[in-house]
């Protein structure tokens, strides 16, 4: 049972900025961390839903604050991990290079112009 808790902590540590206790990243725990990804999505979605409900209760729907905060909250909670992937894919798709060149662009840690534009 203790390994499952460690796997959950590892999964949360990888895909969110939610503070978690430190555990040893063993191969067995890493293999089981995948089982907790849907649960992490549920928690992160709950945070965003709670924000939306609070904004609706305050009557701030349709404001610039709602748009900006609604964009920044998921980025803050996840650490922007999904945005990084999105930027890499945009750079690769707009390169018009060979398949190998596109994969090389996606592995590059720098953000290109097309990622920023999109």
N, C-alpha and C. Protein backbone atom coordinates (compact mmCIF):
# COMPACT_ATOMS: atom_id res chain seq x y z
N UNK A 1 0.83 -1.21 0.00
CA UNK A 1 0.00 0.00 0.00
C UNK A 1 0.86 1.26 0.00
N UNK A 2 1.98 1.18 0.70
CA UNK A 2 2.85 2.35 0.78
C UNK A 2 3.40 2.75 -0.58
N UNK A 3 3.64 1.76 -1.45
CA UNK A 3 4.13 2.08 -2.79
C UNK A 3 3.10 2.85 -3.60
N UNK A 4 1.80 2.54 -3.41
CA UNK A 4 0.75 3.25 -4.13
C UNK A 4 0.69 4.70 -3.71
N UNK A 5 0.86 4.95 -2.44
CA UNK A 5 0.87 6.34 -1.96
C UNK A 5 2.07 7.07 -2.54
N UNK A 6 3.21 6.41 -2.56
CA UNK A 6 4.40 7.00 -3.16
C UNK A 6 4.21 7.28 -4.64
N UNK A 7 3.54 6.36 -5.34
CA UNK A 7 3.26 6.56 -6.76
C UNK A 7 2.35 7.77 -6.99
N UNK A 8 1.36 7.93 -6.11
CA UNK A 8 0.46 9.09 -6.23
C UNK A 8 1.23 10.39 -5.99
N UNK A 9 2.10 10.39 -5.01
CA UNK A 9 2.90 11.58 -4.72
C UNK A 9 3.80 11.93 -5.90
N UNK A 10 4.40 10.91 -6.51
CA UNK A 10 5.25 11.14 -7.67
C UNK A 10 4.44 11.72 -8.83
N UNK A 11 3.26 11.18 -9.07
CA UNK A 11 2.42 11.67 -10.17
C UNK A 11 2.04 13.13 -9.94
N UNK A 12 1.64 13.47 -8.72
CA UNK A 12 1.30 14.87 -8.43
C UNK A 12 2.52 15.77 -8.55
N UNK A 13 3.67 15.27 -8.15
CA UNK A 13 4.90 16.08 -8.25
C UNK A 13 5.28 16.35 -9.69
N UNK A 14 5.00 15.40 -10.58
CA UNK A 14 5.37 15.56 -11.98
C UNK A 14 4.44 16.51 -12.72
N UNK A 15 3.16 16.48 -12.42
CA UNK A 15 2.19 17.20 -13.24
C UNK A 15 1.45 18.32 -12.55
N UNK A 16 1.90 18.72 -11.37
CA UNK A 16 1.25 19.86 -10.72
C UNK A 16 2.26 20.57 -9.84
N UNK A 17 1.88 21.74 -9.42
CA UNK A 17 2.68 22.52 -8.48
C UNK A 17 2.14 22.37 -7.06
N UNK A 18 1.20 21.47 -6.86
CA UNK A 18 0.63 21.23 -5.53
C UNK A 18 1.72 20.64 -4.66
N UNK A 19 2.01 21.26 -3.51
CA UNK A 19 3.10 20.76 -2.66
C UNK A 19 2.84 19.33 -2.19
N UNK A 20 3.85 18.49 -2.32
CA UNK A 20 3.78 17.09 -1.93
C UNK A 20 5.00 16.75 -1.08
N UNK A 21 4.85 15.76 -0.18
CA UNK A 21 6.02 15.33 0.58
C UNK A 21 7.02 14.64 -0.35
N UNK A 22 8.27 14.61 0.05
CA UNK A 22 9.30 13.97 -0.77
C UNK A 22 9.28 12.46 -0.56
N UNK A 23 9.36 11.73 -1.67
CA UNK A 23 9.47 10.28 -1.63
C UNK A 23 10.56 9.87 -2.59
N UNK A 24 11.08 8.66 -2.40
CA UNK A 24 12.11 8.14 -3.29
C UNK A 24 11.46 7.72 -4.62
N UNK A 25 12.04 8.14 -5.71
CA UNK A 25 11.51 7.83 -7.04
C UNK A 25 12.09 6.49 -7.50
N UNK A 26 11.46 5.40 -7.09
CA UNK A 26 11.92 4.08 -7.49
C UNK A 26 11.26 3.68 -8.81
N UNK A 27 11.82 2.67 -9.46
CA UNK A 27 11.27 2.22 -10.74
C UNK A 27 9.84 1.71 -10.55
N UNK A 28 9.58 0.98 -9.49
CA UNK A 28 8.25 0.43 -9.24
C UNK A 28 7.22 1.54 -9.02
N UNK A 29 7.58 2.55 -8.26
CA UNK A 29 6.66 3.68 -8.03
C UNK A 29 6.39 4.45 -9.31
N UNK A 30 7.42 4.61 -10.13
CA UNK A 30 7.25 5.32 -11.39
C UNK A 30 6.29 4.57 -12.32
N UNK A 31 6.37 3.24 -12.33
CA UNK A 31 5.48 2.44 -13.18
C UNK A 31 4.02 2.60 -12.77
N UNK A 32 3.76 2.73 -11.48
CA UNK A 32 2.38 2.84 -10.99
C UNK A 32 1.87 4.28 -10.96
N UNK A 33 2.75 5.24 -11.16
CA UNK A 33 2.33 6.65 -11.14
C UNK A 33 1.32 6.93 -12.25
N UNK A 34 1.43 6.22 -13.35
CA UNK A 34 0.52 6.40 -14.48
C UNK A 34 -0.94 6.19 -14.08
N UNK A 35 -1.18 5.32 -13.12
CA UNK A 35 -2.55 5.03 -12.67
C UNK A 35 -3.23 6.26 -12.06
N UNK A 36 -2.46 7.20 -11.59
CA UNK A 36 -3.02 8.35 -10.88
C UNK A 36 -3.22 9.58 -11.77
N UNK A 37 -2.84 9.51 -13.04
CA UNK A 37 -2.99 10.66 -13.92
C UNK A 37 -4.44 11.14 -14.05
N UNK A 38 -5.43 10.24 -14.20
CA UNK A 38 -6.82 10.73 -14.25
C UNK A 38 -7.24 11.44 -12.97
N UNK A 39 -6.77 10.96 -11.84
CA UNK A 39 -7.09 11.58 -10.56
C UNK A 39 -6.50 12.98 -10.48
N UNK A 40 -5.29 13.14 -10.99
CA UNK A 40 -4.65 14.46 -11.01
C UNK A 40 -5.46 15.41 -11.89
N UNK A 41 -5.90 14.92 -13.05
CA UNK A 41 -6.73 15.74 -13.93
C UNK A 41 -8.02 16.16 -13.25
N UNK A 42 -8.60 15.27 -12.47
CA UNK A 42 -9.82 15.58 -11.74
C UNK A 42 -9.58 16.68 -10.71
N UNK A 43 -8.48 16.60 -10.00
CA UNK A 43 -8.15 17.63 -9.00
C UNK A 43 -7.88 18.97 -9.69
N UNK A 44 -7.08 18.97 -10.75
CA UNK A 44 -6.77 20.23 -11.44
C UNK A 44 -8.02 20.83 -12.08
N UNK A 45 -8.87 19.97 -12.64
CA UNK A 45 -10.14 20.46 -13.18
C UNK A 45 -11.03 21.03 -12.09
N UNK A 46 -10.99 20.42 -10.90
CA UNK A 46 -11.76 20.93 -9.77
C UNK A 46 -11.31 22.31 -9.33
N UNK A 47 -10.00 22.54 -9.36
CA UNK A 47 -9.47 23.87 -9.01
C UNK A 47 -9.98 24.91 -10.00
N UNK A 48 -9.93 24.59 -11.27
CA UNK A 48 -10.41 25.53 -12.29
C UNK A 48 -11.92 25.75 -12.20
N UNK A 49 -12.66 24.69 -11.92
CA UNK A 49 -14.11 24.80 -11.77
C UNK A 49 -14.47 25.64 -10.56
N UNK A 50 -13.73 25.46 -9.47
CA UNK A 50 -13.98 26.26 -8.26
C UNK A 50 -13.73 27.74 -8.54
N UNK A 51 -12.69 28.03 -9.32
CA UNK A 51 -12.44 29.42 -9.69
C UNK A 51 -13.59 29.98 -10.50
N UNK A 52 -14.06 29.20 -11.49
CA UNK A 52 -15.18 29.66 -12.31
C UNK A 52 -16.43 29.91 -11.48
N UNK A 53 -16.70 29.04 -10.53
CA UNK A 53 -17.87 29.22 -9.66
C UNK A 53 -17.73 30.47 -8.81
N UNK A 54 -16.53 30.73 -8.30
CA UNK A 54 -16.31 31.92 -7.48
C UNK A 54 -16.48 33.19 -8.30
N UNK A 55 -16.02 33.18 -9.54
CA UNK A 55 -16.15 34.34 -10.41
C UNK A 55 -17.61 34.60 -10.74
N UNK A 56 -18.34 33.51 -11.04
CA UNK A 56 -19.78 33.67 -11.33
C UNK A 56 -20.53 34.21 -10.10
N UNK A 57 -20.16 33.73 -8.92
CA UNK A 57 -20.82 34.21 -7.70
C UNK A 57 -20.53 35.68 -7.46
N UNK A 58 -19.35 36.14 -7.85
CA UNK A 58 -18.98 37.55 -7.67
C UNK A 58 -19.52 38.42 -8.79
N UNK A 59 -20.07 37.83 -9.83
CA UNK A 59 -20.61 38.59 -10.94
C UNK A 59 -19.56 39.17 -11.86
N UNK A 60 -18.40 38.52 -11.97
CA UNK A 60 -17.31 39.04 -12.79
C UNK A 60 -17.19 38.34 -14.14
N UNK A 61 -18.19 37.59 -14.54
CA UNK A 61 -18.13 36.91 -15.83
C UNK A 61 -18.04 37.94 -16.95
N UNK A 62 -17.28 37.58 -17.99
CA UNK A 62 -17.19 38.45 -19.15
C UNK A 62 -16.26 39.64 -18.96
N UNK A 63 -15.47 39.64 -17.91
CA UNK A 63 -14.54 40.74 -17.68
C UNK A 63 -13.13 40.34 -18.10
N UNK A 64 -12.27 41.32 -18.23
CA UNK A 64 -10.87 41.06 -18.55
C UNK A 64 -10.21 40.26 -17.43
N UNK A 65 -10.58 40.54 -16.20
CA UNK A 65 -10.04 39.78 -15.05
C UNK A 65 -10.35 38.30 -15.21
N UNK A 66 -11.58 37.98 -15.57
CA UNK A 66 -12.00 36.58 -15.73
C UNK A 66 -11.18 35.89 -16.81
N UNK A 67 -10.96 36.57 -17.91
CA UNK A 67 -10.20 35.99 -19.02
C UNK A 67 -8.74 35.76 -18.62
N UNK A 68 -8.14 36.75 -18.00
CA UNK A 68 -6.72 36.63 -17.62
C UNK A 68 -6.51 35.59 -16.53
N UNK A 69 -7.31 35.67 -15.49
CA UNK A 69 -7.17 34.72 -14.39
C UNK A 69 -7.53 33.30 -14.83
N UNK A 70 -8.54 33.18 -15.67
CA UNK A 70 -8.93 31.87 -16.18
C UNK A 70 -7.84 31.23 -17.03
N UNK A 71 -6.98 32.03 -17.61
CA UNK A 71 -5.85 31.52 -18.38
C UNK A 71 -4.67 31.22 -17.47
N UNK A 72 -4.43 32.07 -16.49
CA UNK A 72 -3.25 31.93 -15.64
C UNK A 72 -3.39 30.87 -14.55
N UNK A 73 -4.59 30.61 -14.05
CA UNK A 73 -4.74 29.63 -12.98
C UNK A 73 -4.30 28.24 -13.40
N UNK A 74 -4.75 27.71 -14.54
CA UNK A 74 -4.23 26.38 -14.92
C UNK A 74 -2.71 26.38 -15.14
N UNK A 75 -2.18 27.47 -15.66
CA UNK A 75 -0.72 27.55 -15.85
C UNK A 75 0.00 27.54 -14.50
N UNK A 76 -0.54 28.23 -13.52
CA UNK A 76 0.08 28.28 -12.20
C UNK A 76 -0.01 26.93 -11.49
N UNK A 77 -1.14 26.27 -11.61
CA UNK A 77 -1.33 25.00 -10.90
C UNK A 77 -0.50 23.88 -11.53
N UNK A 78 -0.37 23.88 -12.85
CA UNK A 78 0.39 22.82 -13.51
C UNK A 78 1.85 23.18 -13.75
N UNK A 79 2.23 24.41 -13.55
CA UNK A 79 3.59 24.83 -13.83
C UNK A 79 3.83 25.06 -15.31
N UNK A 80 2.78 25.08 -16.11
CA UNK A 80 2.91 25.36 -17.54
C UNK A 80 3.38 24.19 -18.37
N UNK A 81 3.32 22.98 -17.83
CA UNK A 81 3.85 21.82 -18.57
C UNK A 81 3.11 21.60 -19.88
N UNK A 82 1.82 21.85 -19.93
CA UNK A 82 1.07 21.66 -21.17
C UNK A 82 1.36 22.76 -22.18
N UNK A 83 1.60 23.96 -21.69
CA UNK A 83 1.91 25.08 -22.58
C UNK A 83 3.24 24.85 -23.29
N UNK A 84 4.20 24.27 -22.60
CA UNK A 84 5.49 23.98 -23.21
C UNK A 84 5.33 23.00 -24.36
N UNK A 85 4.53 21.97 -24.17
CA UNK A 85 4.28 21.01 -25.23
C UNK A 85 3.57 21.64 -26.41
N UNK A 86 2.61 22.51 -26.12
CA UNK A 86 1.88 23.21 -27.18
C UNK A 86 2.82 24.07 -28.02
N UNK A 87 3.72 24.80 -27.37
CA UNK A 87 4.66 25.65 -28.10
C UNK A 87 5.60 24.82 -28.96
N UNK A 88 6.07 23.69 -28.43
CA UNK A 88 6.95 22.82 -29.22
C UNK A 88 6.24 22.29 -30.46
N UNK A 89 4.99 21.86 -30.31
CA UNK A 89 4.23 21.34 -31.45
C UNK A 89 4.00 22.43 -32.49
N UNK A 90 3.67 23.64 -32.05
CA UNK A 90 3.47 24.75 -32.99
C UNK A 90 4.73 25.03 -33.79
N UNK A 91 5.87 25.06 -33.11
CA UNK A 91 7.14 25.28 -33.82
C UNK A 91 7.39 24.19 -34.85
N UNK A 92 7.14 22.95 -34.48
CA UNK A 92 7.41 21.84 -35.39
C UNK A 92 6.46 21.84 -36.59
N UNK A 93 5.18 22.08 -36.35
CA UNK A 93 4.21 22.04 -37.44
C UNK A 93 4.43 23.16 -38.45
N UNK A 94 4.93 24.28 -38.01
CA UNK A 94 5.13 25.41 -38.91
C UNK A 94 6.50 25.38 -39.59
N UNK A 95 7.31 24.37 -39.32
CA UNK A 95 8.66 24.36 -39.89
C UNK A 95 8.69 23.89 -41.34
N UNK A 96 7.69 23.13 -41.79
CA UNK A 96 7.64 22.59 -43.14
C UNK A 96 8.88 21.77 -43.47
N UNK A 97 9.50 21.20 -42.45
CA UNK A 97 10.67 20.35 -42.66
C UNK A 97 10.27 18.89 -42.74
N UNK A 98 11.27 18.04 -42.83
CA UNK A 98 11.01 16.60 -42.85
C UNK A 98 10.54 16.15 -41.48
N UNK A 99 10.08 14.93 -41.41
CA UNK A 99 9.60 14.38 -40.13
C UNK A 99 10.72 14.41 -39.08
N UNK A 100 11.91 14.05 -39.49
CA UNK A 100 13.05 14.03 -38.58
C UNK A 100 13.37 15.43 -38.07
N UNK A 101 13.29 16.42 -38.96
CA UNK A 101 13.55 17.80 -38.57
C UNK A 101 12.49 18.28 -37.57
N UNK A 102 11.23 17.92 -37.78
CA UNK A 102 10.16 18.31 -36.86
C UNK A 102 10.35 17.69 -35.49
N UNK A 103 10.74 16.42 -35.45
CA UNK A 103 10.99 15.78 -34.16
C UNK A 103 12.17 16.44 -33.45
N UNK A 104 13.18 16.84 -34.20
CA UNK A 104 14.33 17.54 -33.63
C UNK A 104 13.90 18.89 -33.04
N UNK A 105 13.02 19.59 -33.73
CA UNK A 105 12.52 20.88 -33.24
C UNK A 105 11.75 20.67 -31.95
N UNK A 106 10.95 19.61 -31.87
CA UNK A 106 10.16 19.38 -30.65
C UNK A 106 11.04 19.02 -29.46
N UNK A 107 12.21 18.46 -29.70
CA UNK A 107 13.12 18.12 -28.61
C UNK A 107 13.94 19.33 -28.14
N UNK A 108 14.01 20.34 -28.96
CA UNK A 108 14.79 21.54 -28.64
C UNK A 108 14.13 22.29 -27.47
N UNK A 109 14.87 22.59 -26.41
CA UNK A 109 14.27 23.25 -25.24
C UNK A 109 13.93 24.72 -25.47
N UNK A 110 14.44 25.32 -26.53
CA UNK A 110 14.14 26.73 -26.80
C UNK A 110 12.81 26.89 -27.50
N UNK A 111 12.17 28.01 -27.28
CA UNK A 111 10.90 28.31 -27.95
C UNK A 111 11.18 29.11 -29.20
N UNK A 112 10.60 28.67 -30.31
CA UNK A 112 10.80 29.36 -31.57
C UNK A 112 9.74 30.42 -31.81
N UNK A 113 9.90 31.11 -32.92
CA UNK A 113 9.00 32.22 -33.25
C UNK A 113 7.55 31.76 -33.42
N UNK A 114 7.35 30.62 -34.08
CA UNK A 114 5.98 30.18 -34.34
C UNK A 114 5.27 29.78 -33.05
N UNK A 115 6.00 29.25 -32.09
CA UNK A 115 5.40 28.94 -30.80
C UNK A 115 4.91 30.20 -30.09
N UNK A 116 5.71 31.23 -30.16
CA UNK A 116 5.33 32.51 -29.53
C UNK A 116 4.15 33.14 -30.26
N UNK A 117 4.16 33.10 -31.58
CA UNK A 117 3.10 33.71 -32.36
C UNK A 117 1.76 33.02 -32.09
N UNK A 118 1.77 31.70 -32.05
CA UNK A 118 0.51 30.98 -31.83
C UNK A 118 0.10 31.05 -30.39
